[in-house]
Amino acid sequence: MTSLRATAFVAGLLYLITYLALPTVALYAPVLGDPGFVTGSVSETGVLWGAALELLVVLAIAGTGVVLYPVLRRQNEGVALGFVASRLFEAGVITVGIISLLSIVTLRQDLGPVVGAEADALAITGRSLVAAHDWSFLIGQGLLPGINALLLGTLFYRSRLVPRIIPLMGLIGGPLLIAANIGRLVGINDQFSVFSLIAVAPIFLWEASLGLWLVFKGFRKDAPIMVEAPAQAPAVSPALGVA
C-alpha cells in the first residue's frame, strides 16, 4: 500500500470510528434523563461504557485533522491548518462533556447514599454537571462539525481528491447545521425540531460517504494536486545528483 493510499485509508477509518458516538445516546440516557441519578441506585455501567466510546471518538476526531493535513496543505495550507485547529478544538470541547459525566459517577461512588439536604445539594451539583455536558455537546458535536464541514468540504471540492458530490453535501449541510445550532443557542430552535433534523442529515451523509470512499477508494489519482506534486519534485540524476 502506497503512502498516500495508506493516508486515505487511515483518515477514512478514523471518520468511520467517529460514528461510535451514536450508541452513547442510549448509554448516557440514565444520567442525562434522570435528575436524581447522582443520588439514585441506577447502574452507572452504561455511562462508563459511553465515556470509553466517546474517548475513542475524541482521538479519531483529532486524528482526522492530523492525518489529512499533509495532503490537504497542497491545496491551501491556511485552510488545512484551520481544519486541524477546528478538529482539535472539537475534540477538546467533547472531552469537557465526558469529564462532566464522569464527575457525576465519581460523586455517586465517593459520597454514597445521602438523604435530606445533602441529597438536594448533590442533585443540584449533578444537574450542573449535566448542563455542562449539554452545552459542550451543543458546541462540540453541533456547531463545530458544521464549521469543519465548510473547511474540509472546501478543500476536497477544490482539490477533487474525492468525487465532488461528497464535499458538496458538507458544503450544503455545514451552513444549515451552524444555523440550527446558533438557533438553539439563542433559544429560537429546538434540539429535535424539523429544521435540526434537516440540518443534521447532510452532515451525517457527508462524513459517512467521505469515510467509506477514503477507505475503499482512496484519493483520486487524477486530482490536480496529485498530478502536480510529483511533477514539481526535482529530478535526480544517478551521476550528478539533483538535475
Protein backbone atom coordinates (compact mmCIF):
# COMPACT_ATOMS: atom_id res chain seq x y z
CA MET A 1 0.00 0.00 0.00
CA THR A 2 1.48 3.37 -1.06
CA SER A 3 1.93 6.20 1.41
CA LEU A 4 -0.98 8.27 0.06
CA ARG A 5 -3.25 5.23 -0.14
CA ALA A 6 -2.41 4.44 3.47
CA THR A 7 -3.13 8.05 4.45
CA ALA A 8 -6.53 7.91 2.78
CA PHE A 9 -7.34 4.56 4.39
CA VAL A 10 -6.41 5.71 7.90
CA ALA A 11 -8.30 9.00 7.52
CA GLY A 12 -11.41 7.22 6.26
CA LEU A 13 -11.22 4.66 9.05
CA LEU A 14 -10.94 7.42 11.64
CA TYR A 15 -14.02 9.12 10.18
CA LEU A 16 -15.96 5.88 10.46
CA ILE A 17 -14.78 5.40 14.06
CA THR A 18 -16.40 8.73 14.97
CA TYR A 19 -19.78 7.03 14.44
CA LEU A 20 -19.14 5.12 17.68
CA ALA A 21 -20.64 8.22 19.27
CA LEU A 22 -24.12 7.07 18.18
CA PRO A 23 -24.58 4.39 20.91
CA THR A 24 -23.69 6.92 23.60
CA VAL A 25 -27.14 8.48 23.17
CA ALA A 26 -28.63 5.36 24.76
CA LEU A 27 -25.74 4.72 27.15
CA TYR A 28 -25.92 8.23 28.60
CA ALA A 29 -29.73 8.20 28.88
CA PRO A 30 -29.83 7.32 32.63
CA VAL A 31 -27.60 10.21 33.68
CA LEU A 32 -28.95 12.77 31.20
CA GLY A 33 -32.63 11.95 31.66
CA ASP A 34 -32.80 11.43 35.43
CA PRO A 35 -32.07 14.48 37.64
CA GLY A 36 -31.77 12.14 40.60
CA PHE A 37 -29.19 9.84 39.00
CA VAL A 38 -26.38 11.15 41.21
CA THR A 39 -28.27 10.12 44.36
CA GLY A 40 -30.04 7.07 42.91
CA SER A 41 -29.21 3.42 42.57
CA VAL A 42 -29.33 3.02 38.78
CA SER A 43 -26.17 1.35 37.48
CA GLU A 44 -23.51 3.68 36.07
CA THR A 45 -22.00 0.97 33.85
CA GLY A 46 -23.65 2.39 30.72
CA VAL A 47 -22.24 5.84 31.45
CA LEU A 48 -18.73 4.41 31.82
CA TRP A 49 -19.01 2.50 28.54
CA GLY A 50 -20.37 5.60 26.85
CA ALA A 51 -17.41 7.63 28.12
CA ALA A 52 -14.97 4.98 26.86
CA LEU A 53 -16.55 5.03 23.40
CA GLU A 54 -16.53 8.82 23.30
CA LEU A 55 -12.86 8.93 24.24
CA LEU A 56 -12.16 6.78 21.17
CA VAL A 57 -14.25 9.22 19.14
CA VAL A 58 -12.23 12.15 20.51
CA LEU A 59 -8.97 10.51 19.44
CA ALA A 60 -10.44 9.76 16.00
CA ILE A 61 -11.62 13.35 15.57
CA ALA A 62 -8.17 14.73 16.37
CA GLY A 63 -6.59 12.06 14.18
CA THR A 64 -8.55 13.02 11.07
CA GLY A 65 -7.09 16.51 11.14
CA VAL A 66 -3.53 15.37 11.75
CA VAL A 67 -3.60 12.58 9.14
CA LEU A 68 -5.18 14.64 6.36
CA TYR A 69 -3.11 17.81 6.86
CA PRO A 70 0.00 16.77 4.84
CA VAL A 71 -2.21 16.11 1.80
CA LEU A 72 -4.65 18.99 2.16
CA ARG A 73 -1.91 21.59 2.65
CA ARG A 74 -1.05 21.09 -1.03
CA GLN A 75 -4.38 22.69 -1.86
CA ASN A 76 -4.40 25.50 0.70
CA GLU A 77 -2.14 25.41 3.74
CA GLY A 78 -4.05 28.09 5.67
CA VAL A 79 -7.43 26.39 5.33
CA ALA A 80 -5.88 22.99 6.06
CA LEU A 81 -4.32 24.34 9.25
CA GLY A 82 -7.65 25.89 10.19
CA PHE A 83 -9.30 22.49 9.77
CA VAL A 84 -6.72 20.85 12.06
CA ALA A 85 -7.24 23.55 14.70
CA SER A 86 -11.03 23.20 14.47
CA ARG A 87 -10.87 19.41 14.84
CA LEU A 88 -8.58 19.69 17.88
CA PHE A 89 -10.92 22.27 19.41
CA GLU A 90 -13.89 19.99 18.77
CA ALA A 91 -12.09 17.11 20.48
CA GLY A 92 -11.28 19.31 23.46
CA VAL A 93 -14.86 20.53 23.90
CA ILE A 94 -16.25 16.98 23.72
CA THR A 95 -13.71 15.91 26.34
CA VAL A 96 -15.12 18.55 28.70
CA GLY A 97 -18.54 16.90 28.35
CA ILE A 98 -17.09 13.45 29.05
CA ILE A 99 -15.35 14.70 32.19
CA SER A 100 -18.61 16.29 33.38
CA LEU A 101 -20.48 12.99 33.25
CA LEU A 102 -17.61 11.03 34.79
CA SER A 103 -17.61 13.55 37.63
CA ILE A 104 -21.22 12.62 38.39
CA VAL A 105 -20.22 8.96 38.59
CA THR A 106 -17.39 9.87 40.97
CA LEU A 107 -19.80 11.80 43.23
CA ARG A 108 -22.06 8.74 43.41
CA GLN A 109 -19.20 6.43 44.25
CA ASP A 110 -17.46 8.67 46.79
CA LEU A 111 -20.41 10.11 48.69
CA GLY A 112 -22.67 7.04 48.66
CA PRO A 113 -26.36 7.17 49.57
CA VAL A 114 -27.38 10.53 51.09
CA VAL A 115 -30.71 11.92 52.25
CA GLY A 116 -32.29 15.23 53.11
CA ALA A 117 -30.41 18.48 52.43
CA GLU A 118 -27.27 16.65 51.35
CA ALA A 119 -29.24 14.79 48.68
CA ASP A 120 -30.74 18.05 47.42
CA ALA A 121 -27.31 19.70 47.23
CA LEU A 122 -25.85 16.68 45.44
CA ALA A 123 -28.73 16.67 42.96
CA ILE A 124 -28.08 20.35 42.17
CA THR A 125 -24.40 19.59 41.58
CA GLY A 126 -25.37 16.69 39.33
CA ARG A 127 -27.73 18.85 37.28
CA SER A 128 -24.98 21.48 36.92
CA LEU A 129 -22.60 18.87 35.52
CA VAL A 130 -25.27 17.61 33.13
CA ALA A 131 -25.81 21.20 31.97
CA ALA A 132 -22.07 21.50 31.30
CA HIS A 133 -22.27 18.34 29.19
CA ASP A 134 -25.29 19.64 27.28
CA TRP A 135 -23.52 22.89 26.37
CA SER A 136 -20.35 21.06 25.37
CA PHE A 137 -22.50 18.80 23.17
CA LEU A 138 -24.12 21.82 21.52
CA ILE A 139 -20.75 23.34 20.67
CA GLY A 140 -18.55 20.28 20.18
CA GLN A 141 -20.97 17.96 18.40
CA GLY A 142 -23.35 20.53 16.99
CA LEU A 143 -21.70 23.80 15.96
CA LEU A 144 -18.10 22.74 15.24
CA PRO A 145 -18.94 19.88 12.82
CA GLY A 146 -20.67 22.48 10.66
CA ILE A 147 -17.52 24.63 10.63
CA ASN A 148 -15.39 21.56 9.92
CA ALA A 149 -17.65 20.64 7.01
CA LEU A 150 -17.12 24.07 5.42
CA LEU A 151 -13.34 23.93 5.83
CA LEU A 152 -12.81 20.33 4.75
CA GLY A 153 -15.57 20.45 2.15
CA THR A 154 -13.91 23.45 0.50
CA LEU A 155 -10.53 21.69 0.40
CA PHE A 156 -11.92 18.46 -1.03
CA TYR A 157 -14.22 20.22 -3.51
CA ARG A 158 -11.41 22.33 -4.96
CA SER A 159 -8.77 19.61 -4.89
CA ARG A 160 -11.05 16.95 -6.41
CA LEU A 161 -9.43 14.31 -4.25
CA VAL A 162 -12.86 12.66 -4.00
CA PRO A 163 -15.96 12.99 -6.25
CA ARG A 164 -17.35 16.49 -5.84
CA ILE A 165 -20.79 15.26 -4.81
CA ILE A 166 -19.28 14.14 -1.48
CA PRO A 167 -17.88 17.51 -0.30
CA LEU A 168 -20.92 19.23 -1.80
CA MET A 169 -23.05 17.55 0.88
CA GLY A 170 -20.74 19.06 3.51
CA LEU A 171 -20.85 22.50 1.92
CA ILE A 172 -24.66 22.37 1.94
CA GLY A 173 -25.01 20.83 5.38
CA GLY A 174 -22.38 22.99 7.10
CA PRO A 175 -24.29 26.30 7.00
CA LEU A 176 -27.56 24.52 7.87
CA LEU A 177 -26.01 22.86 10.92
CA ILE A 178 -24.38 26.11 12.06
CA ALA A 179 -27.68 27.97 11.71
CA ALA A 180 -29.61 25.26 13.55
CA ASN A 181 -27.21 25.26 16.49
CA ILE A 182 -26.94 29.03 16.71
CA GLY A 183 -30.75 28.98 16.78
CA ARG A 184 -30.60 26.56 19.72
CA LEU A 185 -28.01 28.75 21.40
CA VAL A 186 -30.23 31.84 21.32
CA GLY A 187 -33.42 29.90 22.00
CA ILE A 188 -35.26 30.11 18.68
CA ASN A 189 -34.79 26.48 17.63
CA ASP A 190 -35.36 23.22 19.49
CA GLN A 191 -32.92 20.31 19.54
CA PHE A 192 -35.39 17.93 17.91
CA SER A 193 -37.12 20.35 15.55
CA VAL A 194 -37.69 19.58 11.86
CA PHE A 195 -35.05 22.14 10.92
CA SER A 196 -32.48 20.47 13.21
CA LEU A 197 -33.14 17.07 11.63
CA ILE A 198 -32.86 18.52 8.13
CA ALA A 199 -29.57 20.21 9.09
CA VAL A 200 -28.05 17.03 10.54
CA ALA A 201 -28.86 14.76 7.58
CA PRO A 202 -26.37 16.20 5.00
CA ILE A 203 -23.54 16.23 7.57
CA PHE A 204 -24.26 12.62 8.51
CA LEU A 205 -24.15 11.59 4.85
CA TRP A 206 -21.11 13.76 4.12
CA GLU A 207 -18.91 12.25 6.84
CA ALA A 208 -20.13 8.68 6.24
CA SER A 209 -19.62 8.84 2.46
CA LEU A 210 -16.21 10.51 2.87
CA GLY A 211 -15.07 7.83 5.31
CA LEU A 212 -16.27 4.98 3.09
CA TRP A 213 -14.78 6.47 -0.06
CA LEU A 214 -11.37 7.03 1.53
CA VAL A 215 -11.30 3.52 2.99
CA PHE A 216 -12.32 1.66 -0.18
CA LYS A 217 -11.19 4.00 -2.97
CA GLY A 218 -8.62 6.42 -1.58
CA PHE A 219 -7.67 9.73 -3.18
CA ARG A 220 -8.38 10.16 -6.87
CA LYS A 221 -5.11 9.77 -8.74
CA ASP A 222 -6.19 12.26 -11.41
CA ALA A 223 -6.78 15.05 -8.88
CA PRO A 224 -4.73 18.15 -9.83
CA ILE A 225 -2.72 18.23 -6.60
CA MET A 226 -1.88 14.53 -7.00
CA VAL A 227 -0.55 15.17 -10.52
CA GLU A 228 1.24 18.44 -9.77
CA ALA A 229 3.11 17.27 -6.65
CA PRO A 230 5.26 14.62 -8.43
CA ALA A 231 5.81 16.97 -11.37
CA GLN A 232 7.23 19.66 -9.05
CA ALA A 233 9.69 17.25 -7.41
CA PRO A 234 13.30 17.82 -8.60
CA ALA A 235 14.67 15.20 -10.98
CA VAL A 236 17.64 13.18 -9.68
CA SER A 237 20.50 12.14 -11.93
CA PRO A 238 22.36 8.98 -10.88
CA ALA A 239 25.69 10.56 -11.79
CA LEU A 240 25.23 14.23 -10.98
CA GLY A 241 22.63 14.16 -8.20
CA VAL A 242 19.90 16.81 -8.46
CA ALA A 243 19.45 17.97 -12.01
